[in-house]
């Protein structure tokens, strides 16, 4: 229930099936999850999302978590707000309201009663068939084959005169990085006429 892309894609699928009324709640949930991600990125210090740790932003995080049925997260952020300012009343109100949903450690991460999409019945939709035969067989019954043969990669860079130099202007050693900072990217320059 807390996967942004899954909620968004389910809303799109329901729209394509001619069920726009049923898609609304999934679209709203995806929107709330997107807002939450943006707020959390800002609170974690990412300057692209505004890195001010204001009481208003923390309160929005608490409210979104409650709306999404994420009682554990809403309580944790309420406690965070109280640690920063013990005179605040709103975090205490949230703690009182959400306490019944976190009394035991094995209680669900997403509270069904607070989760608006839990009331939507999708049992009339077809169930996918994930068996091996259904996914690897072609219509004639044999295993699907590519007309191009097996795909292979080989490094012909040196033979073609291509030289690769990696340069990083980072002076200090990286101590920690987030996933989007580890999966690559960059820029390349190709000197086709070889004039440097």
C-alpha atoms as a PDB file:
ATOM      1  CA  UNK A   1       0.000   0.000   0.000  1.00  0.00           C
ATOM      2  CA  UNK A   2       2.981   2.354   0.405  1.00  0.00           C
ATOM      3  CA  UNK A   3       4.581   1.901  -3.006  1.00  0.00           C
ATOM      4  CA  UNK A   4       4.185   5.139  -4.948  1.00  0.00           C
ATOM      5  CA  UNK A   5       4.623   3.683  -8.437  1.00  0.00           C
ATOM      6  CA  UNK A   6       2.305   0.731  -7.719  1.00  0.00           C
ATOM      7  CA  UNK A   7      -0.514   3.028  -6.599  1.00  0.00           C
ATOM      8  CA  UNK A   8      -0.009   5.303  -9.597  1.00  0.00           C
ATOM      9  CA  UNK A   9       0.097   2.405 -12.061  1.00  0.00           C
ATOM     10  CA  UNK A  10      -2.978   0.799 -10.531  1.00  0.00           C
ATOM     11  CA  UNK A  11      -4.842   4.094 -10.931  1.00  0.00           C
ATOM     12  CA  UNK A  12      -3.794   4.222 -14.592  1.00  0.00           C
ATOM     13  CA  UNK A  13      -4.824   0.594 -15.143  1.00  0.00           C
ATOM     14  CA  UNK A  14      -8.250   1.197 -13.603  1.00  0.00           C
ATOM     15  CA  UNK A  15      -8.688   4.253 -15.841  1.00  0.00           C
ATOM     16  CA  UNK A  16      -7.860   2.140 -18.904  1.00  0.00           C
ATOM     17  CA  UNK A  17     -10.368  -0.468 -17.752  1.00  0.00           C
ATOM     18  CA  UNK A  18     -13.038   2.237 -17.715  1.00  0.00           C
ATOM     19  CA  UNK A  19     -13.191   2.474 -13.922  1.00  0.00           C
ATOM     20  CA  UNK A  20     -12.155   6.072 -13.179  1.00  0.00           C
ATOM     21  CA  UNK A  21     -14.152   6.254  -9.936  1.00  0.00           C
ATOM     22  CA  UNK A  22     -12.179   3.344  -8.458  1.00  0.00           C
ATOM     23  CA  UNK A  23      -8.901   4.858  -9.633  1.00  0.00           C
ATOM     24  CA  UNK A  24      -9.361   8.123  -7.711  1.00  0.00           C
ATOM     25  CA  UNK A  25      -8.304   6.760  -4.317  1.00  0.00           C
ATOM     26  CA  UNK A  26      -5.188   5.114  -5.735  1.00  0.00           C
ATOM     27  CA  UNK A  27      -4.273   8.313  -7.559  1.00  0.00           C
ATOM     28  CA  UNK A  28      -4.792  10.320  -4.352  1.00  0.00           C
ATOM     29  CA  UNK A  29      -2.683   7.842  -2.394  1.00  0.00           C
ATOM     30  CA  UNK A  30       0.102   8.100  -4.975  1.00  0.00           C
ATOM     31  CA  UNK A  31      -0.091  11.901  -4.713  1.00  0.00           C
ATOM     32  CA  UNK A  32       0.132  11.739  -0.907  1.00  0.00           C
ATOM     33  CA  UNK A  33       3.098   9.358  -1.110  1.00  0.00           C
ATOM     34  CA  UNK A  34       4.809  11.690  -3.580  1.00  0.00           C
ATOM     35  CA  UNK A  35       4.271  14.673  -1.273  1.00  0.00           C
ATOM     36  CA  UNK A  36       5.641  12.657   1.636  1.00  0.00           C
ATOM     37  CA  UNK A  37       8.772  11.665  -0.296  1.00  0.00           C
ATOM     38  CA  UNK A  38       9.399  15.302  -1.235  1.00  0.00           C
ATOM     39  CA  UNK A  39       8.994  16.473   2.359  1.00  0.00           C
ATOM     40  CA  UNK A  40      11.241  13.706   3.699  1.00  0.00           C
ATOM     41  CA  UNK A  41      13.954  14.490   1.163  1.00  0.00           C
ATOM     42  CA  UNK A  42      13.869  18.118   2.221  1.00  0.00           C
ATOM     43  CA  UNK A  43      13.973  17.224   5.913  1.00  0.00           C
ATOM     44  CA  UNK A  44      16.933  14.919   5.283  1.00  0.00           C
ATOM     45  CA  UNK A  45      18.906  17.879   3.976  1.00  0.00           C
ATOM     46  CA  UNK A  46      18.523  17.564   0.217  1.00  0.00           C
ATOM     47  CA  UNK A  47      18.642  21.188  -0.997  1.00  0.00           C
ATOM     48  CA  UNK A  48      16.678  20.376  -4.162  1.00  0.00           C
ATOM     49  CA  UNK A  49      13.610  19.823  -1.997  1.00  0.00           C
ATOM     50  CA  UNK A  50      14.114  22.677   0.450  1.00  0.00           C
ATOM     51  CA  UNK A  51      16.176  21.748   3.457  1.00  0.00           C
ATOM     52  CA  UNK A  52      14.525  23.837   6.167  1.00  0.00           C
ATOM     53  CA  UNK A  53      13.467  21.776   9.176  1.00  0.00           C
ATOM     54  CA  UNK A  54      10.425  23.781  10.106  1.00  0.00           C
ATOM     55  CA  UNK A  55       7.665  22.745  12.464  1.00  0.00           C
ATOM     56  CA  UNK A  56       5.160  23.175   9.631  1.00  0.00           C
ATOM     57  CA  UNK A  57       7.009  20.645   7.439  1.00  0.00           C
ATOM     58  CA  UNK A  58       7.236  18.117  10.252  1.00  0.00           C
ATOM     59  CA  UNK A  59       3.524  18.551  10.931  1.00  0.00           C
ATOM     60  CA  UNK A  60       2.785  17.930   7.227  1.00  0.00           C
ATOM     61  CA  UNK A  61       4.836  14.714   7.425  1.00  0.00           C
ATOM     62  CA  UNK A  62       2.833  13.597  10.469  1.00  0.00           C
ATOM     63  CA  UNK A  63      -0.495  14.431   8.817  1.00  0.00           C
ATOM     64  CA  UNK A  64       0.422  12.661   5.564  1.00  0.00           C
ATOM     65  CA  UNK A  65       1.585   9.573   7.444  1.00  0.00           C
ATOM     66  CA  UNK A  66      -1.671   9.504   9.402  1.00  0.00           C
ATOM     67  CA  UNK A  67      -3.721   9.978   6.215  1.00  0.00           C
ATOM     68  CA  UNK A  68      -1.818   7.091   4.624  1.00  0.00           C
ATOM     69  CA  UNK A  69      -2.453   4.866   7.649  1.00  0.00           C
ATOM     70  CA  UNK A  70       1.220   4.853   8.627  1.00  0.00           C
ATOM     71  CA  UNK A  71       0.675   5.188  12.376  1.00  0.00           C
ATOM     72  CA  UNK A  72       4.195   4.146  13.380  1.00  0.00           C
ATOM     73  CA  UNK A  73       5.787   6.841  11.229  1.00  0.00           C
ATOM     74  CA  UNK A  74       3.275   9.487  12.316  1.00  0.00           C
ATOM     75  CA  UNK A  75       4.002   8.715  15.972  1.00  0.00           C
ATOM     76  CA  UNK A  76       7.770   8.788  15.413  1.00  0.00           C
ATOM     77  CA  UNK A  77       7.604  12.191  13.703  1.00  0.00           C
ATOM     78  CA  UNK A  78       5.297  13.503  16.436  1.00  0.00           C
ATOM     79  CA  UNK A  79       7.884  12.448  19.014  1.00  0.00           C
ATOM     80  CA  UNK A  80      10.590  14.129  16.942  1.00  0.00           C
ATOM     81  CA  UNK A  81       8.580  17.372  16.983  1.00  0.00           C
ATOM     82  CA  UNK A  82       8.171  17.129  20.770  1.00  0.00           C
ATOM     83  CA  UNK A  83      11.892  16.559  21.245  1.00  0.00           C
ATOM     84  CA  UNK A  84      12.543  19.819  19.423  1.00  0.00           C
ATOM     85  CA  UNK A  85       9.810  21.769  21.238  1.00  0.00           C
ATOM     86  CA  UNK A  86       8.113  20.197  24.259  1.00  0.00           C
ATOM     87  CA  UNK A  87       5.508  22.964  24.490  1.00  0.00           C
ATOM     88  CA  UNK A  88       3.804  21.968  21.216  1.00  0.00           C
ATOM     89  CA  UNK A  89       0.271  20.638  21.603  1.00  0.00           C
ATOM     90  CA  UNK A  90      -0.374  19.166  18.152  1.00  0.00           C
ATOM     91  CA  UNK A  91       2.175  16.311  18.454  1.00  0.00           C
ATOM     92  CA  UNK A  92       0.612  15.296  21.770  1.00  0.00           C
ATOM     93  CA  UNK A  93      -2.809  15.206  20.096  1.00  0.00           C
ATOM     94  CA  UNK A  94      -1.485  12.938  17.340  1.00  0.00           C
ATOM     95  CA  UNK A  95       0.218  10.667  19.879  1.00  0.00           C
ATOM     96  CA  UNK A  96      -3.018  10.314  21.840  1.00  0.00           C
ATOM     97  CA  UNK A  97      -5.017   9.656  18.663  1.00  0.00           C
ATOM     98  CA  UNK A  98      -2.577   7.099  17.204  1.00  0.00           C
ATOM     99  CA  UNK A  99      -1.491   5.259  20.364  1.00  0.00           C
ATOM    100  CA  UNK A 100      -4.103   2.450  19.953  1.00  0.00           C
ATOM    101  CA  UNK A 101      -2.513   1.494  16.612  1.00  0.00           C
ATOM    102  CA  UNK A 102       1.004   0.987  17.996  1.00  0.00           C
ATOM    103  CA  UNK A 103       0.432  -0.732  21.352  1.00  0.00           C
ATOM    104  CA  UNK A 104       2.189  -3.962  20.250  1.00  0.00           C
ATOM    105  CA  UNK A 105       5.364  -4.308  18.213  1.00  0.00           C
ATOM    106  CA  UNK A 106       3.740  -6.772  15.796  1.00  0.00           C
ATOM    107  CA  UNK A 107       0.924  -4.415  14.786  1.00  0.00           C
ATOM    108  CA  UNK A 108       0.803  -3.711  11.024  1.00  0.00           C
ATOM    109  CA  UNK A 109       2.873  -0.927   9.526  1.00  0.00           C
ATOM    110  CA  UNK A 110      -0.157   0.315   7.607  1.00  0.00           C
ATOM    111  CA  UNK A 111      -3.349   0.506   9.653  1.00  0.00           C
ATOM    112  CA  UNK A 112      -6.256  -0.818   7.612  1.00  0.00           C
ATOM    113  CA  UNK A 113      -8.804   1.430   9.343  1.00  0.00           C
ATOM    114  CA  UNK A 114      -6.776   4.536   8.422  1.00  0.00           C
ATOM    115  CA  UNK A 115      -5.989   3.305   4.908  1.00  0.00           C
ATOM    116  CA  UNK A 116      -8.698   4.611   2.557  1.00  0.00           C
ATOM    117  CA  UNK A 117      -7.864   2.135  -0.203  1.00  0.00           C
ATOM    118  CA  UNK A 118      -8.503  -0.875   2.048  1.00  0.00           C
ATOM    119  CA  UNK A 119     -12.225  -0.412   1.414  1.00  0.00           C
ATOM    120  CA  UNK A 120     -11.860  -0.896  -2.350  1.00  0.00           C
ATOM    121  CA  UNK A 121     -12.662  -4.403  -3.579  1.00  0.00           C
ATOM    122  CA  UNK A 122     -10.628  -5.405  -6.629  1.00  0.00           C
ATOM    123  CA  UNK A 123     -11.545  -9.096  -6.531  1.00  0.00           C
ATOM    124  CA  UNK A 124     -13.470  -8.785  -9.807  1.00  0.00           C
ATOM    125  CA  UNK A 125     -10.240  -8.089 -11.710  1.00  0.00           C
ATOM    126  CA  UNK A 126      -8.430 -11.029 -13.357  1.00  0.00           C
ATOM    127  CA  UNK A 127      -5.507 -12.567 -11.498  1.00  0.00           C
ATOM    128  CA  UNK A 128      -2.239 -12.727 -13.478  1.00  0.00           C
ATOM    129  CA  UNK A 129      -0.837 -16.124 -14.404  1.00  0.00           C
ATOM    130  CA  UNK A 130       2.834 -16.131 -13.379  1.00  0.00           C
ATOM    131  CA  UNK A 131       3.590 -19.791 -14.097  1.00  0.00           C
ATOM    132  CA  UNK A 132       6.768 -20.524 -16.000  1.00  0.00           C
ATOM    133  CA  UNK A 133       4.902 -22.070 -18.921  1.00  0.00           C
ATOM    134  CA  UNK A 134       2.723 -19.000 -19.408  1.00  0.00           C
ATOM    135  CA  UNK A 135       5.647 -16.597 -19.512  1.00  0.00           C
ATOM    136  CA  UNK A 136       8.274 -18.543 -21.464  1.00  0.00           C
ATOM    137  CA  UNK A 137       6.240 -20.419 -24.054  1.00  0.00           C
ATOM    138  CA  UNK A 138       5.441 -18.992 -27.432  1.00  0.00           C
ATOM    139  CA  UNK A 139       2.012 -19.598 -29.036  1.00  0.00           C
ATOM    140  CA  UNK A 140       3.239 -22.706 -30.894  1.00  0.00           C
ATOM    141  CA  UNK A 141       4.173 -24.394 -27.625  1.00  0.00           C
ATOM    142  CA  UNK A 142       7.975 -24.293 -27.816  1.00  0.00           C
ATOM    143  CA  UNK A 143      10.356 -22.123 -25.873  1.00  0.00           C
ATOM    144  CA  UNK A 144      10.532 -18.613 -27.328  1.00  0.00           C
ATOM    145  CA  UNK A 145      13.785 -17.930 -29.211  1.00  0.00           C
ATOM    146  CA  UNK A 146      15.324 -14.750 -30.528  1.00  0.00           C
ATOM    147  CA  UNK A 147      15.999 -14.551 -34.255  1.00  0.00           C
ATOM    148  CA  UNK A 148      19.324 -12.851 -33.565  1.00  0.00           C
ATOM    149  CA  UNK A 149      20.979 -15.498 -31.374  1.00  0.00           C
ATOM    150  CA  UNK A 150      22.479 -14.935 -27.957  1.00  0.00           C
ATOM    151  CA  UNK A 151      23.430 -11.408 -26.988  1.00  0.00           C
ATOM    152  CA  UNK A 152      27.114 -10.882 -26.200  1.00  0.00           C
ATOM    153  CA  UNK A 153      29.084  -7.841 -25.216  1.00  0.00           C
ATOM    154  CA  UNK A 154      32.703  -7.299 -26.105  1.00  0.00           C
ATOM    155  CA  UNK A 155      35.024  -4.389 -25.530  1.00  0.00           C
ATOM    156  CA  UNK A 156      36.311  -3.108 -28.885  1.00  0.00           C
ATOM    157  CA  UNK A 157      37.289   0.318 -27.550  1.00  0.00           C
ATOM    158  CA  UNK A 158      41.082  -0.138 -27.748  1.00  0.00           C
ATOM    159  CA  UNK A 159      40.922  -1.758 -31.204  1.00  0.00           C
ATOM    160  CA  UNK A 160      38.956   1.218 -32.535  1.00  0.00           C
ATOM    161  CA  UNK A 161      41.264   3.778 -30.930  1.00  0.00           C
ATOM    162  CA  UNK A 162      38.846   4.839 -28.215  1.00  0.00           C
ATOM    163  CA  UNK A 163      40.508   5.861 -24.955  1.00  0.00           C
ATOM    164  CA  UNK A 164      38.569   6.290 -21.757  1.00  0.00           C
ATOM    165  CA  UNK A 165      39.752   8.376 -18.826  1.00  0.00           C
ATOM    166  CA  UNK A 166      37.725   8.695 -15.644  1.00  0.00           C
ATOM    167  CA  UNK A 167      37.962  11.995 -13.806  1.00  0.00           C
ATOM    168  CA  UNK A 168      36.292  12.920 -10.548  1.00  0.00           C
ATOM    169  CA  UNK A 169      36.673  16.405  -9.121  1.00  0.00           C
ATOM    170  CA  UNK A 170      35.685  15.178  -5.663  1.00  0.00           C
ATOM    171  CA  UNK A 171      38.643  16.002  -3.444  1.00  0.00           C
ATOM    172  CA  UNK A 172      37.432  14.317  -0.278  1.00  0.00           C
ATOM    173  CA  UNK A 173      36.729  10.636   0.161  1.00  0.00           C
ATOM    174  CA  UNK A 174      33.064   9.613   0.037  1.00  0.00           C
ATOM    175  CA  UNK A 175      31.960   8.402   3.472  1.00  0.00           C
ATOM    176  CA  UNK A 176      28.301   7.734   2.717  1.00  0.00           C
ATOM    177  CA  UNK A 177      26.054   8.112  -0.278  1.00  0.00           C
ATOM    178  CA  UNK A 178      22.408   7.628  -1.105  1.00  0.00           C
ATOM    179  CA  UNK A 179      21.309   5.101  -3.713  1.00  0.00           C
ATOM    180  CA  UNK A 180      20.673   7.641  -6.517  1.00  0.00           C
ATOM    181  CA  UNK A 181      24.255   8.865  -6.051  1.00  0.00           C
ATOM    182  CA  UNK A 182      25.739   5.407  -6.583  1.00  0.00           C
ATOM    183  CA  UNK A 183      24.158   4.189  -9.803  1.00  0.00           C
ATOM    184  CA  UNK A 184      26.253   6.146 -12.236  1.00  0.00           C
ATOM    185  CA  UNK A 185      25.800   8.948 -14.634  1.00  0.00           C
ATOM    186  CA  UNK A 186      28.106  11.513 -16.091  1.00  0.00           C
ATOM    187  CA  UNK A 187      29.137  13.109 -19.318  1.00  0.00           C
ATOM    188  CA  UNK A 188      31.280  11.929 -22.176  1.00  0.00           C
ATOM    189  CA  UNK A 189      33.257  13.667 -24.890  1.00  0.00           C
ATOM    190  CA  UNK A 190      34.156  12.025 -28.191  1.00  0.00           C
ATOM    191  CA  UNK A 191      36.874  13.570 -30.349  1.00  0.00           C
ATOM    192  CA  UNK A 192      35.972  12.113 -33.760  1.00  0.00           C
ATOM    193  CA  UNK A 193      38.688  13.846 -35.764  1.00  0.00           C
ATOM    194  CA  UNK A 194      41.385  13.155 -33.161  1.00  0.00           C
ATOM    195  CA  UNK A 195      42.673  16.734 -32.976  1.00  0.00           C
ATOM    196  CA  UNK A 196      42.612  16.791 -29.147  1.00  0.00           C
END
